[in-house]
Amino acid sequence: MLSDDCNIGDDLRRRLYRAFLDIFLLRLIDEEPRWGYRLMEILRDRYGLRVGPPVLYPLLSSLERRGMVEGLDVHVGGRRRKVYQLTNRGRAYVRRFKEVVREALDL
């Protein structure tokens, strides 16, 4: 029975992460500014979620257009990377998301 509970928990986590991928990206970027490939690594390692470039980069572009993140061109190890940092609007969005989840789940 314990195995079934673990499988259900894993399934629910994956569904949650996929449904609110934008929120998870904002939270990861809020921890520290990051570039796209690093975000893919963290999503895989921390959450077991495999997200490829065709999903990630359009989502980051959308967040940037919506004013949630700001992309900065920086040089890291001799390479140019676009590093994303959270804006005040992005922080407010994450805060409000947490409030809505608490209200919805009556926590």
Protein backbone atom coordinates (compact mmCIF):
# COMPACT_ATOMS: atom_id res chain seq x y z
CA MET A 1 0.00 0.00 0.00
CA LEU A 2 2.86 2.39 0.79
CA SER A 3 4.18 1.95 -2.76
CA ASP A 4 0.79 3.00 -4.17
CA ASP A 5 0.84 6.14 -1.99
CA CYS A 6 4.33 7.01 -3.26
CA ASN A 7 3.27 6.52 -6.88
CA ILE A 8 0.19 8.66 -6.35
CA GLY A 9 2.32 11.36 -4.73
CA ASP A 10 4.79 11.30 -7.61
CA ASP A 11 1.96 11.52 -10.12
CA LEU A 12 0.33 14.44 -8.30
CA ARG A 13 3.66 16.27 -8.04
CA ARG A 14 4.36 15.89 -11.77
CA ARG A 15 0.87 17.12 -12.63
CA LEU A 16 1.27 20.11 -10.33
CA TYR A 17 4.71 21.00 -11.68
CA ARG A 18 3.54 20.77 -15.29
CA ALA A 19 0.35 22.76 -14.67
CA PHE A 20 2.21 25.55 -12.88
CA LEU A 21 5.58 25.40 -14.59
CA ASP A 22 5.66 29.18 -14.90
CA ILE A 23 5.32 29.55 -11.12
CA PHE A 24 8.11 27.05 -10.47
CA LEU A 25 10.36 28.91 -12.91
CA LEU A 26 9.62 32.19 -11.17
CA ARG A 27 10.43 30.66 -7.78
CA LEU A 28 13.71 29.20 -9.06
CA ILE A 29 14.69 32.52 -10.62
CA ASP A 30 13.79 34.29 -7.38
CA GLU A 31 16.31 32.10 -5.51
CA GLU A 32 19.01 33.52 -7.79
CA PRO A 33 19.22 34.71 -11.40
CA ARG A 34 19.65 31.75 -13.75
CA TRP A 35 19.95 30.93 -17.44
CA GLY A 36 17.70 28.52 -19.30
CA TYR A 37 19.90 25.42 -19.37
CA ARG A 38 20.53 25.72 -15.63
CA LEU A 39 16.77 25.95 -15.04
CA MET A 40 16.27 22.72 -17.02
CA GLU A 41 18.90 20.99 -14.88
CA ILE A 42 17.31 22.12 -11.62
CA LEU A 43 13.81 21.13 -12.73
CA ARG A 44 15.14 17.67 -13.58
CA ASP A 45 17.31 17.21 -10.48
CA ARG A 46 15.06 18.77 -7.86
CA TYR A 47 11.62 17.90 -9.18
CA GLY A 48 12.23 14.99 -11.56
CA LEU A 49 10.68 17.08 -14.33
CA ARG A 50 12.22 16.90 -17.79
CA VAL A 51 11.59 20.12 -19.66
CA GLY A 52 13.31 20.68 -22.98
CA PRO A 53 14.21 23.85 -24.85
CA PRO A 54 11.03 23.81 -27.02
CA VAL A 55 8.97 24.21 -23.83
CA LEU A 56 11.28 26.24 -21.63
CA TYR A 57 12.43 29.06 -23.89
CA PRO A 58 9.00 30.11 -25.18
CA LEU A 59 7.77 30.11 -21.57
CA LEU A 60 10.70 32.29 -20.46
CA SER A 61 10.01 34.64 -23.38
CA SER A 62 6.37 34.85 -22.35
CA LEU A 63 7.34 35.63 -18.75
CA GLU A 64 9.68 38.32 -20.02
CA ARG A 65 7.01 39.87 -22.26
CA ARG A 66 4.59 39.87 -19.30
CA GLY A 67 7.14 41.73 -17.17
CA MET A 68 7.65 38.87 -14.70
CA VAL A 69 11.35 38.35 -15.47
CA GLU A 70 14.08 40.39 -17.06
CA GLY A 71 16.63 38.70 -19.30
CA LEU A 72 20.17 40.07 -19.15
CA ASP A 73 22.98 39.13 -21.52
CA VAL A 74 26.04 38.20 -19.47
CA HIS A 75 29.30 36.41 -20.13
CA VAL A 76 29.86 33.29 -18.04
CA GLY A 77 32.99 31.22 -18.56
CA GLY A 78 33.67 32.92 -21.87
CA ARG A 79 30.14 32.23 -23.14
CA ARG A 80 27.27 34.63 -23.61
CA ARG A 81 24.18 33.60 -21.67
CA LYS A 82 20.81 35.17 -21.13
CA VAL A 83 20.37 35.23 -17.37
CA TYR A 84 16.86 35.79 -16.06
CA GLN A 85 16.10 37.68 -12.88
CA LEU A 86 12.75 38.20 -11.22
CA THR A 87 11.05 41.58 -11.38
CA ASN A 88 8.84 43.11 -8.70
CA ARG A 89 5.83 42.13 -10.80
CA GLY A 90 7.07 38.51 -10.87
CA ARG A 91 7.51 38.49 -7.08
CA ALA A 92 4.01 39.89 -6.60
CA TYR A 93 2.61 37.22 -8.94
CA VAL A 94 4.25 34.41 -6.96
CA ARG A 95 3.02 35.90 -3.68
CA ARG A 96 -0.52 36.15 -5.00
CA PHE A 97 -0.36 32.58 -6.33
CA LYS A 98 0.51 31.34 -2.84
CA GLU A 99 -2.46 33.25 -1.40
CA VAL A 100 -4.85 31.83 -4.00
CA VAL A 101 -3.64 28.26 -3.36
CA ARG A 102 -4.08 28.69 0.40
CA GLU A 103 -7.60 30.05 -0.13
CA ALA A 104 -8.52 27.32 -2.62
CA LEU A 105 -7.24 24.51 -0.39
CA ASP A 106 -8.52 26.16 2.78
CA LEU A 107 -5.07 26.10 4.42
